[in-house]
Amino acid sequence: MPLGRWKKAAPLVENDEADAASRERWLEREAAGEPGSGPVTTRPVIRPRLVFHTQLAHGSATGRVEGFCNVRELYAKLGEAFGLHPSEIMFCTLNTHKVDMDKLLGGQIGLEDFIFAHIKGQRKEVEIYKSEDALGLTITDNGAGYAFIKRIKEGSLIDQIQMIKVGDLIESINGQSVISFRHFEVAKLLKGLVKGQLFTLRLVEPLKAFDMIGQRSRGGKSASGGQLGTGKGTLRLRAKGTATVEEVPSVFEEKAIEKVDDLLESYMGIRDTELATTMVDLGKNKKNPDEFAQAIDEELGDFAFPDEFVFDVWGAIGDAKAGR
């Protein structure tokens, strides 16, 4: 089965049409023998566009997607490829059709990765008595408005409820819709529920292939290597601006990202490799914790991270840099 590959086509830039038109005009002039077309060495440079192969996780023909700069655009392209509305896509995994949170597509895709799109399946509503302060849930989001369950702690309150599974989209909490909420906002709502009272979760599980029915994974620790893919480079998706092709993170960066992701789960009940990557990028060249804290406040102020957490993140980056 072919994987994502380089294809000679229009580039992944904003002036695709202009470049393509320029090349066509040049080829027409060369074929007509017009002066000024120049020797072969002066042909316009044709930059490659990344093409990725994809399937629906529960089974489908193989499609292709290209020309996207962020997760929302990717979902729109996937919708076009499979005749779906983008809102039907819950999340994507790389190189596996299973609901494997270690293979979750985040903000980066390996250049040779195969994308599996998981779409909405059965809806369900669960009433839960909050007998403990901690539910045992780790929340993540797909970058396009859906928060879902990434991990269930073994032996926790939620672990005892068989209806709730890793990969379930959280649609509402006590009747309040959380669609378009970020994962940290959903985690905060769940953490704020009153102990000793009932609450209701409305969930949507991903549509599964026959060989996946009955599986229930608690979700493992999300290693950054699993998310960044298998290619020699990665396509970095950005919320704003153009996607860029970058080198695979160094050993130090991978270790730092994993440490920061662990801290996010410990402090906030979320895992987010892309957020962890951003924090490591902000901290790896800072000289002291004050500079780092200022950068975090400027770039990630919406998260309202406590000072203690920011200091621990600085320490984790320093430990990774020192090889600890």
C-alpha atoms as a PDB file:
ATOM      1  CA  MET A   1       0.000   0.000   0.000  1.00  0.00           C
ATOM      2  CA  PRO A   2       1.621   3.304  -1.040  1.00  0.00           C
ATOM      3  CA  LEU A   3       2.395   5.899   1.580  1.00  0.00           C
ATOM      4  CA  GLY A   4       2.612   9.690   1.439  1.00  0.00           C
ATOM      5  CA  ARG A   5       5.148  10.743  -1.171  1.00  0.00           C
ATOM      6  CA  TRP A   6       6.606  13.715  -2.983  1.00  0.00           C
ATOM      7  CA  LYS A   7       4.603  14.611  -6.092  1.00  0.00           C
ATOM      8  CA  LYS A   8       5.638  17.062  -8.788  1.00  0.00           C
ATOM      9  CA  ALA A   9       2.789  19.541  -8.599  1.00  0.00           C
ATOM     10  CA  ALA A  10       1.956  23.006  -7.373  1.00  0.00           C
ATOM     11  CA  PRO A  11       3.768  24.028  -4.170  1.00  0.00           C
ATOM     12  CA  LEU A  12       2.263  24.288  -0.705  1.00  0.00           C
ATOM     13  CA  VAL A  13       2.323  28.097  -0.747  1.00  0.00           C
ATOM     14  CA  GLU A  14      -0.160  30.890  -1.168  1.00  0.00           C
ATOM     15  CA  ASN A  15       0.864  31.746  -4.763  1.00  0.00           C
ATOM     16  CA  ASP A  16       0.230  28.260  -6.201  1.00  0.00           C
ATOM     17  CA  GLU A  17      -1.822  29.519  -9.140  1.00  0.00           C
ATOM     18  CA  ALA A  18       0.673  32.220 -10.094  1.00  0.00           C
ATOM     19  CA  ASP A  19       3.592  29.775 -10.105  1.00  0.00           C
ATOM     20  CA  ALA A  20       1.661  27.209 -12.135  1.00  0.00           C
ATOM     21  CA  ALA A  21       0.541  29.823 -14.671  1.00  0.00           C
ATOM     22  CA  SER A  22       4.119  31.128 -15.031  1.00  0.00           C
ATOM     23  CA  ARG A  23       5.392  27.642 -15.738  1.00  0.00           C
ATOM     24  CA  GLU A  24       2.674  26.984 -18.332  1.00  0.00           C
ATOM     25  CA  ARG A  25       3.515  30.221 -20.155  1.00  0.00           C
ATOM     26  CA  TRP A  26       7.212  29.295 -20.155  1.00  0.00           C
ATOM     27  CA  LEU A  27       6.481  25.811 -21.594  1.00  0.00           C
ATOM     28  CA  GLU A  28       4.278  27.289 -24.345  1.00  0.00           C
ATOM     29  CA  ARG A  29       7.016  29.751 -25.338  1.00  0.00           C
ATOM     30  CA  GLU A  30       9.659  27.003 -25.329  1.00  0.00           C
ATOM     31  CA  ALA A  31       7.490  24.721 -27.529  1.00  0.00           C
ATOM     32  CA  ALA A  32       6.955  27.582 -30.014  1.00  0.00           C
ATOM     33  CA  GLY A  33      10.665  28.345 -30.094  1.00  0.00           C
ATOM     34  CA  GLU A  34      10.143  31.923 -29.013  1.00  0.00           C
ATOM     35  CA  PRO A  35      13.224  33.920 -28.005  1.00  0.00           C
ATOM     36  CA  GLY A  36      13.684  34.490 -24.331  1.00  0.00           C
ATOM     37  CA  SER A  37      12.505  31.065 -23.233  1.00  0.00           C
ATOM     38  CA  GLY A  38      16.151  30.348 -22.465  1.00  0.00           C
ATOM     39  CA  PRO A  39      18.101  27.126 -22.020  1.00  0.00           C
ATOM     40  CA  VAL A  40      16.902  24.235 -19.865  1.00  0.00           C
ATOM     41  CA  THR A  41      18.792  25.548 -16.852  1.00  0.00           C
ATOM     42  CA  THR A  42      16.532  28.611 -16.672  1.00  0.00           C
ATOM     43  CA  ARG A  43      13.276  26.683 -16.313  1.00  0.00           C
ATOM     44  CA  PRO A  44      11.155  27.839 -13.393  1.00  0.00           C
ATOM     45  CA  VAL A  45      11.829  25.864 -10.231  1.00  0.00           C
ATOM     46  CA  ILE A  46       8.961  23.467  -9.525  1.00  0.00           C
ATOM     47  CA  ARG A  47       8.608  22.947  -5.796  1.00  0.00           C
ATOM     48  CA  PRO A  48       6.962  19.705  -4.640  1.00  0.00           C
ATOM     49  CA  ARG A  49       3.628  19.539  -2.873  1.00  0.00           C
ATOM     50  CA  LEU A  50       3.164  16.920  -0.169  1.00  0.00           C
ATOM     51  CA  VAL A  51       0.620  14.213  -0.940  1.00  0.00           C
ATOM     52  CA  PHE A  52      -0.643  11.875   1.779  1.00  0.00           C
ATOM     53  CA  HIS A  53      -2.653   8.692   1.354  1.00  0.00           C
ATOM     54  CA  THR A  54      -5.622   8.145   3.619  1.00  0.00           C
ATOM     55  CA  GLN A  55      -8.472   5.796   4.525  1.00  0.00           C
ATOM     56  CA  LEU A  56     -11.422   5.861   6.900  1.00  0.00           C
ATOM     57  CA  ALA A  57     -10.441   3.922  10.021  1.00  0.00           C
ATOM     58  CA  HIS A  58     -13.453   1.586   9.846  1.00  0.00           C
ATOM     59  CA  GLY A  59     -12.672   0.756   6.213  1.00  0.00           C
ATOM     60  CA  SER A  60     -12.806   2.500   2.835  1.00  0.00           C
ATOM     61  CA  ALA A  61     -11.040   2.884  -0.477  1.00  0.00           C
ATOM     62  CA  THR A  62      -7.734   4.751  -0.346  1.00  0.00           C
ATOM     63  CA  GLY A  63      -7.889   8.483  -1.010  1.00  0.00           C
ATOM     64  CA  ARG A  64      -5.303  11.256  -1.265  1.00  0.00           C
ATOM     65  CA  VAL A  65      -5.101  14.632   0.454  1.00  0.00           C
ATOM     66  CA  GLU A  66      -2.791  17.569  -0.183  1.00  0.00           C
ATOM     67  CA  GLY A  67      -2.538  21.327   0.044  1.00  0.00           C
ATOM     68  CA  PHE A  68      -3.523  21.838   3.699  1.00  0.00           C
ATOM     69  CA  CYS A  69      -1.827  24.080   6.269  1.00  0.00           C
ATOM     70  CA  ASN A  70      -3.644  23.223   9.504  1.00  0.00           C
ATOM     71  CA  VAL A  71      -5.854  20.555  11.036  1.00  0.00           C
ATOM     72  CA  ARG A  72      -9.136  22.208  10.024  1.00  0.00           C
ATOM     73  CA  GLU A  73      -7.997  22.353   6.405  1.00  0.00           C
ATOM     74  CA  LEU A  74      -6.889  18.712   6.608  1.00  0.00           C
ATOM     75  CA  TYR A  75     -10.354  17.684   7.845  1.00  0.00           C
ATOM     76  CA  ALA A  76     -11.942  19.641   4.995  1.00  0.00           C
ATOM     77  CA  LYS A  77      -9.707  17.793   2.513  1.00  0.00           C
ATOM     78  CA  LEU A  78     -10.579  14.451   4.124  1.00  0.00           C
ATOM     79  CA  GLY A  79     -14.266  15.338   3.859  1.00  0.00           C
ATOM     80  CA  GLU A  80     -13.836  16.034   0.143  1.00  0.00           C
ATOM     81  CA  ALA A  81     -11.962  12.759  -0.361  1.00  0.00           C
ATOM     82  CA  PHE A  82     -14.661  10.629   1.287  1.00  0.00           C
ATOM     83  CA  GLY A  83     -17.821  12.655   0.646  1.00  0.00           C
ATOM     84  CA  LEU A  84     -18.254  13.591   4.317  1.00  0.00           C
ATOM     85  CA  HIS A  85     -18.905  16.814   6.164  1.00  0.00           C
ATOM     86  CA  PRO A  86     -15.715  17.689   8.099  1.00  0.00           C
ATOM     87  CA  SER A  87     -17.717  17.765  11.362  1.00  0.00           C
ATOM     88  CA  GLU A  88     -18.136  13.969  11.058  1.00  0.00           C
ATOM     89  CA  ILE A  89     -14.385  13.474  11.546  1.00  0.00           C
ATOM     90  CA  MET A  90     -13.440  13.078  15.209  1.00  0.00           C
ATOM     91  CA  PHE A  91      -9.670  12.614  15.003  1.00  0.00           C
ATOM     92  CA  CYS A  92      -6.970  10.945  12.926  1.00  0.00           C
ATOM     93  CA  THR A  93      -4.318   8.342  13.685  1.00  0.00           C
ATOM     94  CA  LEU A  94      -1.100   7.735  11.777  1.00  0.00           C
ATOM     95  CA  ASN A  95      -0.272   4.345  10.261  1.00  0.00           C
ATOM     96  CA  THR A  96      -2.949   2.426  12.183  1.00  0.00           C
ATOM     97  CA  HIS A  97      -6.740   2.173  11.916  1.00  0.00           C
ATOM     98  CA  LYS A  98      -7.026   1.414  15.632  1.00  0.00           C
ATOM     99  CA  VAL A  99      -7.944   3.934  18.331  1.00  0.00           C
ATOM    100  CA  ASP A 100      -4.320   4.184  19.430  1.00  0.00           C
ATOM    101  CA  MET A 101      -3.586   7.378  21.308  1.00  0.00           C
ATOM    102  CA  ASP A 102       0.173   6.909  20.834  1.00  0.00           C
ATOM    103  CA  LYS A 103      -0.418   7.315  17.083  1.00  0.00           C
ATOM    104  CA  LEU A 104      -2.712  10.322  17.311  1.00  0.00           C
ATOM    105  CA  LEU A 105      -2.251  13.001  14.676  1.00  0.00           C
ATOM    106  CA  GLY A 106      -1.414  16.289  16.335  1.00  0.00           C
ATOM    107  CA  GLY A 107       0.342  19.251  14.811  1.00  0.00           C
ATOM    108  CA  GLN A 108       2.907  17.241  12.857  1.00  0.00           C
ATOM    109  CA  ILE A 109       2.783  14.487  10.247  1.00  0.00           C
ATOM    110  CA  GLY A 110       5.715  12.384   9.061  1.00  0.00           C
ATOM    111  CA  LEU A 111       6.316  12.788   5.336  1.00  0.00           C
ATOM    112  CA  GLU A 112       5.660   9.077   4.763  1.00  0.00           C
ATOM    113  CA  ASP A 113       2.725   8.670   7.144  1.00  0.00           C
ATOM    114  CA  PHE A 114      -0.609   7.142   6.139  1.00  0.00           C
ATOM    115  CA  ILE A 115      -3.594   8.988   7.655  1.00  0.00           C
ATOM    116  CA  PHE A 116      -6.594   7.115   9.071  1.00  0.00           C
ATOM    117  CA  ALA A 117      -9.679   9.253   9.767  1.00  0.00           C
ATOM    118  CA  HIS A 118     -11.980   8.191  12.598  1.00  0.00           C
ATOM    119  CA  ILE A 119     -15.574   9.334  12.131  1.00  0.00           C
ATOM    120  CA  LYS A 120     -18.554   9.584  14.467  1.00  0.00           C
ATOM    121  CA  GLY A 121     -20.318   6.377  15.452  1.00  0.00           C
ATOM    122  CA  GLN A 122     -22.802   5.611  18.234  1.00  0.00           C
ATOM    123  CA  ARG A 123     -23.983   8.331  20.613  1.00  0.00           C
ATOM    124  CA  LYS A 124     -24.458   7.468  24.283  1.00  0.00           C
ATOM    125  CA  GLU A 125     -25.394   9.175  27.523  1.00  0.00           C
ATOM    126  CA  VAL A 126     -23.921   8.124  30.857  1.00  0.00           C
ATOM    127  CA  GLU A 127     -25.001   9.195  34.351  1.00  0.00           C
ATOM    128  CA  ILE A 128     -22.146   9.111  36.844  1.00  0.00           C
ATOM    129  CA  TYR A 129     -22.017   9.539  40.614  1.00  0.00           C
ATOM    130  CA  LYS A 130     -18.891  11.505  41.494  1.00  0.00           C
ATOM    131  CA  SER A 131     -17.703   9.601  44.532  1.00  0.00           C
ATOM    132  CA  GLU A 132     -14.106  10.803  44.242  1.00  0.00           C
ATOM    133  CA  ASP A 133     -12.391  14.110  43.497  1.00  0.00           C
ATOM    134  CA  ALA A 134     -10.468  12.695  40.535  1.00  0.00           C
ATOM    135  CA  LEU A 135     -12.346  11.009  37.689  1.00  0.00           C
ATOM    136  CA  GLY A 136      -9.262   9.415  36.158  1.00  0.00           C
ATOM    137  CA  LEU A 137      -9.672  10.992  32.724  1.00  0.00           C
ATOM    138  CA  THR A 138      -7.075  12.634  30.503  1.00  0.00           C
ATOM    139  CA  ILE A 139      -8.574  14.921  27.851  1.00  0.00           C
ATOM    140  CA  THR A 140      -7.149  16.006  24.513  1.00  0.00           C
ATOM    141  CA  ASP A 141      -8.669  17.705  21.460  1.00  0.00           C
ATOM    142  CA  ASN A 142      -8.445  17.344  17.706  1.00  0.00           C
ATOM    143  CA  GLY A 143      -7.523  20.951  16.988  1.00  0.00           C
ATOM    144  CA  ALA A 144     -10.845  21.496  15.226  1.00  0.00           C
ATOM    145  CA  GLY A 145     -13.379  21.858  18.029  1.00  0.00           C
ATOM    146  CA  TYR A 146     -13.734  18.368  19.517  1.00  0.00           C
ATOM    147  CA  ALA A 147     -12.415  17.287  22.933  1.00  0.00           C
ATOM    148  CA  PHE A 148     -12.187  13.566  23.566  1.00  0.00           C
ATOM    149  CA  ILE A 149     -10.887  11.022  26.061  1.00  0.00           C
ATOM    150  CA  LYS A 150      -7.233  10.187  25.551  1.00  0.00           C
ATOM    151  CA  ARG A 151      -6.544   8.140  28.645  1.00  0.00           C
ATOM    152  CA  ILE A 152      -8.433   6.384  31.446  1.00  0.00           C
ATOM    153  CA  LYS A 153      -6.460   5.737  34.611  1.00  0.00           C
ATOM    154  CA  GLU A 154      -6.560   2.121  35.722  1.00  0.00           C
ATOM    155  CA  GLY A 155      -8.654   1.612  38.854  1.00  0.00           C
ATOM    156  CA  SER A 156     -10.215   5.086  38.632  1.00  0.00           C
ATOM    157  CA  LEU A 157     -13.889   5.984  38.872  1.00  0.00           C
ATOM    158  CA  ILE A 158     -14.283   6.161  35.080  1.00  0.00           C
ATOM    159  CA  ASP A 159     -12.373   2.894  34.630  1.00  0.00           C
ATOM    160  CA  GLN A 160     -15.271   1.134  36.390  1.00  0.00           C
ATOM    161  CA  ILE A 161     -17.786   2.353  33.789  1.00  0.00           C
ATOM    162  CA  GLN A 162     -17.516   0.060  30.783  1.00  0.00           C
ATOM    163  CA  MET A 163     -19.591   2.312  28.513  1.00  0.00           C
ATOM    164  CA  ILE A 164     -16.887   4.993  28.557  1.00  0.00           C
ATOM    165  CA  LYS A 165     -13.906   4.303  26.288  1.00  0.00           C
ATOM    166  CA  VAL A 166     -10.714   5.940  25.107  1.00  0.00           C
ATOM    167  CA  GLY A 167     -11.487   7.886  21.928  1.00  0.00           C
ATOM    168  CA  ASP A 168     -14.995   8.930  23.000  1.00  0.00           C
ATOM    169  CA  LEU A 169     -15.841  12.499  22.012  1.00  0.00           C
ATOM    170  CA  ILE A 170     -17.309  14.560  24.877  1.00  0.00           C
ATOM    171  CA  GLU A 171     -20.356  16.287  23.421  1.00  0.00           C
ATOM    172  CA  SER A 172     -21.887  17.752  26.591  1.00  0.00           C
ATOM    173  CA  ILE A 173     -21.539  17.830  30.391  1.00  0.00           C
ATOM    174  CA  ASN A 174     -24.798  18.091  32.360  1.00  0.00           C
ATOM    175  CA  GLY A 175     -26.532  19.268  29.195  1.00  0.00           C
ATOM    176  CA  GLN A 176     -23.966  21.995  28.466  1.00  0.00           C
ATOM    177  CA  SER A 177     -22.462  21.559  25.012  1.00  0.00           C
ATOM    178  CA  VAL A 178     -18.671  21.557  24.976  1.00  0.00           C
ATOM    179  CA  ILE A 179     -18.300  21.458  21.198  1.00  0.00           C
ATOM    180  CA  SER A 180     -15.635  24.028  20.190  1.00  0.00           C
ATOM    181  CA  PHE A 181     -14.230  23.994  23.741  1.00  0.00           C
ATOM    182  CA  ARG A 182     -10.492  23.403  24.085  1.00  0.00           C
ATOM    183  CA  HIS A 183      -9.387  20.335  26.002  1.00  0.00           C
ATOM    184  CA  PHE A 184      -8.177  22.308  29.014  1.00  0.00           C
ATOM    185  CA  GLU A 185     -11.581  23.999  29.277  1.00  0.00           C
ATOM    186  CA  VAL A 186     -13.355  20.628  29.278  1.00  0.00           C
ATOM    187  CA  ALA A 187     -10.893  19.262  31.847  1.00  0.00           C
ATOM    188  CA  LYS A 188     -11.565  22.286  34.066  1.00  0.00           C
ATOM    189  CA  LEU A 189     -15.344  21.724  33.881  1.00  0.00           C
ATOM    190  CA  LEU A 190     -14.951  18.064  34.805  1.00  0.00           C
ATOM    191  CA  LYS A 191     -12.601  18.893  37.664  1.00  0.00           C
ATOM    192  CA  GLY A 192     -15.073  21.482  38.985  1.00  0.00           C
ATOM    193  CA  LEU A 193     -17.998  19.039  39.271  1.00  0.00           C
ATOM    194  CA  VAL A 194     -19.215  18.727  42.861  1.00  0.00           C
ATOM    195  CA  LYS A 195     -18.193  15.569  44.697  1.00  0.00           C
ATOM    196  CA  GLY A 196     -21.111  13.517  45.996  1.00  0.00           C
ATOM    197  CA  GLN A 197     -23.464  14.440  43.149  1.00  0.00           C
ATOM    198  CA  LEU A 198     -24.612  12.879  39.894  1.00  0.00           C
ATOM    199  CA  PHE A 199     -23.557  14.299  36.551  1.00  0.00           C
ATOM    200  CA  THR A 200     -24.285  13.336  32.967  1.00  0.00           C
ATOM    201  CA  LEU A 201     -21.904  12.931  30.054  1.00  0.00           C
ATOM    202  CA  ARG A 202     -23.110  12.771  26.468  1.00  0.00           C
ATOM    203  CA  LEU A 203     -20.501  10.994  24.378  1.00  0.00           C
ATOM    204  CA  VAL A 204     -19.917   9.899  20.786  1.00  0.00           C
ATOM    205  CA  GLU A 205     -17.713   6.909  20.102  1.00  0.00           C
ATOM    206  CA  PRO A 206     -15.712   6.492  16.883  1.00  0.00           C
ATOM    207  CA  LEU A 207     -17.141   4.156  14.258  1.00  0.00           C
ATOM    208  CA  LYS A 208     -15.190   0.925  14.446  1.00  0.00           C
ATOM    209  CA  ALA A 209     -14.282  -1.835  12.028  1.00  0.00           C
ATOM    210  CA  PHE A 210     -15.508  -5.327  12.881  1.00  0.00           C
ATOM    211  CA  ASP A 211     -12.148  -6.402  14.308  1.00  0.00           C
ATOM    212  CA  MET A 212     -12.170  -3.420  16.701  1.00  0.00           C
ATOM    213  CA  ILE A 213     -15.617  -3.982  18.243  1.00  0.00           C
ATOM    214  CA  GLY A 214     -15.395  -4.797  21.929  1.00  0.00           C
ATOM    215  CA  GLN A 215     -11.947  -3.314  22.401  1.00  0.00           C
ATOM    216  CA  ARG A 216     -11.442  -0.966  25.292  1.00  0.00           C
ATOM    217  CA  SER A 217      -8.071   0.653  25.682  1.00  0.00           C
ATOM    218  CA  ARG A 218      -7.180   2.717  28.722  1.00  0.00           C
ATOM    219  CA  GLY A 219      -4.725   4.613  26.583  1.00  0.00           C
ATOM    220  CA  GLY A 220      -1.020   4.617  27.171  1.00  0.00           C
ATOM    221  CA  LYS A 221       1.416   7.391  27.881  1.00  0.00           C
ATOM    222  CA  SER A 222       1.676   9.397  24.699  1.00  0.00           C
ATOM    223  CA  ALA A 223       5.284   9.391  23.549  1.00  0.00           C
ATOM    224  CA  SER A 224       6.221  12.172  21.210  1.00  0.00           C
ATOM    225  CA  GLY A 225       7.911   9.786  18.789  1.00  0.00           C
ATOM    226  CA  GLY A 226       4.613   8.028  18.145  1.00  0.00           C
ATOM    227  CA  GLN A 227       2.877  11.220  17.242  1.00  0.00           C
ATOM    228  CA  LEU A 228       5.507  12.760  15.034  1.00  0.00           C
ATOM    229  CA  GLY A 229       5.375   9.945  12.504  1.00  0.00           C
ATOM    230  CA  THR A 230       7.841   7.800  10.617  1.00  0.00           C
ATOM    231  CA  GLY A 231       9.058  10.066   7.836  1.00  0.00           C
ATOM    232  CA  LYS A 232      12.566  11.547   7.681  1.00  0.00           C
ATOM    233  CA  GLY A 233      10.968  14.957   8.116  1.00  0.00           C
ATOM    234  CA  THR A 234       7.618  16.200   9.337  1.00  0.00           C
ATOM    235  CA  LEU A 235       4.948  18.541   8.053  1.00  0.00           C
ATOM    236  CA  ARG A 236       4.311  21.026  10.879  1.00  0.00           C
ATOM    237  CA  LEU A 237       0.700  22.239  10.866  1.00  0.00           C
ATOM    238  CA  ARG A 238       0.014  25.665  12.309  1.00  0.00           C
ATOM    239  CA  ALA A 239      -3.135  27.364  13.542  1.00  0.00           C
ATOM    240  CA  LYS A 240      -2.014  30.491  11.681  1.00  0.00           C
ATOM    241  CA  GLY A 241       0.228  30.771   8.670  1.00  0.00           C
ATOM    242  CA  THR A 242       1.632  28.237   6.244  1.00  0.00           C
ATOM    243  CA  ALA A 243       2.585  24.664   7.097  1.00  0.00           C
ATOM    244  CA  THR A 244       6.324  23.999   7.021  1.00  0.00           C
ATOM    245  CA  VAL A 245       8.482  20.933   6.486  1.00  0.00           C
ATOM    246  CA  GLU A 246      10.882  20.496   9.396  1.00  0.00           C
ATOM    247  CA  GLU A 247      13.456  18.027  10.620  1.00  0.00           C
ATOM    248  CA  VAL A 248      12.400  15.353  13.093  1.00  0.00           C
ATOM    249  CA  PRO A 249      12.977  16.683  16.660  1.00  0.00           C
ATOM    250  CA  SER A 250      16.335  15.938  18.262  1.00  0.00           C
ATOM    251  CA  VAL A 251      16.722  13.444  21.117  1.00  0.00           C
ATOM    252  CA  PHE A 252      16.769  16.348  23.577  1.00  0.00           C
ATOM    253  CA  GLU A 253      13.600  17.842  22.116  1.00  0.00           C
ATOM    254  CA  GLU A 254      11.740  14.518  22.137  1.00  0.00           C
ATOM    255  CA  LYS A 255      12.684  13.902  25.764  1.00  0.00           C
ATOM    256  CA  ALA A 256      11.719  17.462  26.761  1.00  0.00           C
ATOM    257  CA  ILE A 257       8.372  17.236  24.926  1.00  0.00           C
ATOM    258  CA  GLU A 258       7.510  13.993  26.711  1.00  0.00           C
ATOM    259  CA  LYS A 259       8.436  15.467  30.105  1.00  0.00           C
ATOM    260  CA  VAL A 260       6.313  18.581  29.492  1.00  0.00           C
ATOM    261  CA  ASP A 261       3.400  16.443  28.252  1.00  0.00           C
ATOM    262  CA  ASP A 262       3.586  14.467  31.517  1.00  0.00           C
ATOM    263  CA  LEU A 263       3.435  17.733  33.469  1.00  0.00           C
ATOM    264  CA  LEU A 264       0.391  18.859  31.475  1.00  0.00           C
ATOM    265  CA  GLU A 265      -1.399  15.662  32.430  1.00  0.00           C
ATOM    266  CA  SER A 266      -0.376  15.948  36.076  1.00  0.00           C
ATOM    267  CA  TYR A 267      -1.402  19.607  36.477  1.00  0.00           C
ATOM    268  CA  MET A 268      -4.305  19.970  34.062  1.00  0.00           C
ATOM    269  CA  GLY A 269      -5.601  16.517  33.152  1.00  0.00           C
ATOM    270  CA  ILE A 270      -4.736  16.989  29.465  1.00  0.00           C
ATOM    271  CA  ARG A 271      -2.152  15.625  27.053  1.00  0.00           C
ATOM    272  CA  ASP A 272      -1.171  17.733  24.076  1.00  0.00           C
ATOM    273  CA  THR A 273       2.085  17.003  22.264  1.00  0.00           C
ATOM    274  CA  GLU A 274       1.722  20.085  20.066  1.00  0.00           C
ATOM    275  CA  LEU A 275       1.305  22.350  23.111  1.00  0.00           C
ATOM    276  CA  ALA A 276       4.267  20.632  24.774  1.00  0.00           C
ATOM    277  CA  THR A 277       6.314  21.151  21.591  1.00  0.00           C
ATOM    278  CA  THR A 278       5.460  24.855  21.578  1.00  0.00           C
ATOM    279  CA  MET A 279       6.540  25.204  25.214  1.00  0.00           C
ATOM    280  CA  VAL A 280       9.831  23.435  24.529  1.00  0.00           C
ATOM    281  CA  ASP A 281      10.429  25.686  21.503  1.00  0.00           C
ATOM    282  CA  LEU A 282       9.808  28.725  23.700  1.00  0.00           C
ATOM    283  CA  GLY A 283      12.107  27.511  26.462  1.00  0.00           C
ATOM    284  CA  LYS A 284      15.081  25.847  24.799  1.00  0.00           C
ATOM    285  CA  ASN A 285      16.900  29.128  24.017  1.00  0.00           C
ATOM    286  CA  LYS A 286      15.844  31.165  27.053  1.00  0.00           C
ATOM    287  CA  LYS A 287      18.554  32.091  29.535  1.00  0.00           C
ATOM    288  CA  ASN A 288      16.539  32.032  32.758  1.00  0.00           C
ATOM    289  CA  PRO A 289      13.076  31.113  34.115  1.00  0.00           C
ATOM    290  CA  ASP A 290      11.916  34.747  34.121  1.00  0.00           C
ATOM    291  CA  GLU A 291      12.475  35.060  30.355  1.00  0.00           C
ATOM    292  CA  PHE A 292      10.701  31.742  29.861  1.00  0.00           C
ATOM    293  CA  ALA A 293       7.735  32.783  32.023  1.00  0.00           C
ATOM    294  CA  GLN A 294       7.395  36.020  30.040  1.00  0.00           C
ATOM    295  CA  ALA A 295       7.432  34.088  26.738  1.00  0.00           C
ATOM    296  CA  ILE A 296       4.782  31.678  28.032  1.00  0.00           C
ATOM    297  CA  ASP A 297       2.592  34.577  29.147  1.00  0.00           C
ATOM    298  CA  GLU A 298       2.902  36.301  25.754  1.00  0.00           C
ATOM    299  CA  GLU A 299       2.312  33.218  23.598  1.00  0.00           C
ATOM    300  CA  LEU A 300       0.097  31.017  25.782  1.00  0.00           C
ATOM    301  CA  GLY A 301      -1.592  33.429  28.154  1.00  0.00           C
ATOM    302  CA  ASP A 302      -5.054  31.972  27.465  1.00  0.00           C
ATOM    303  CA  PHE A 303      -4.095  28.829  29.375  1.00  0.00           C
ATOM    304  CA  ALA A 304      -3.450  30.802  32.596  1.00  0.00           C
ATOM    305  CA  PHE A 305      -0.724  28.392  33.713  1.00  0.00           C
ATOM    306  CA  PRO A 306       0.142  28.700  37.421  1.00  0.00           C
ATOM    307  CA  ASP A 307       3.650  29.924  38.258  1.00  0.00           C
ATOM    308  CA  GLU A 308       4.544  26.596  39.878  1.00  0.00           C
ATOM    309  CA  PHE A 309       3.707  24.748  36.665  1.00  0.00           C
ATOM    310  CA  VAL A 310       5.749  27.113  34.487  1.00  0.00           C
ATOM    311  CA  PHE A 311       8.734  26.714  36.825  1.00  0.00           C
ATOM    312  CA  ASP A 312       8.425  22.904  36.666  1.00  0.00           C
ATOM    313  CA  VAL A 313       8.287  23.050  32.859  1.00  0.00           C
ATOM    314  CA  TRP A 314      11.461  25.147  32.825  1.00  0.00           C
ATOM    315  CA  GLY A 315      13.084  22.542  35.071  1.00  0.00           C
ATOM    316  CA  ALA A 316      11.934  19.682  32.835  1.00  0.00           C
ATOM    317  CA  ILE A 317      13.419  21.351  29.743  1.00  0.00           C
ATOM    318  CA  GLY A 318      16.669  21.899  31.625  1.00  0.00           C
ATOM    319  CA  ASP A 319      16.755  18.253  32.774  1.00  0.00           C
ATOM    320  CA  ALA A 320      16.224  17.035  29.201  1.00  0.00           C
ATOM    321  CA  LYS A 321      18.944  19.355  27.933  1.00  0.00           C
ATOM    322  CA  ALA A 322      21.310  17.915  30.548  1.00  0.00           C
ATOM    323  CA  GLY A 323      20.390  14.354  29.549  1.00  0.00           C
ATOM    324  CA  ARG A 324      18.513  13.555  32.767  1.00  0.00           C
END
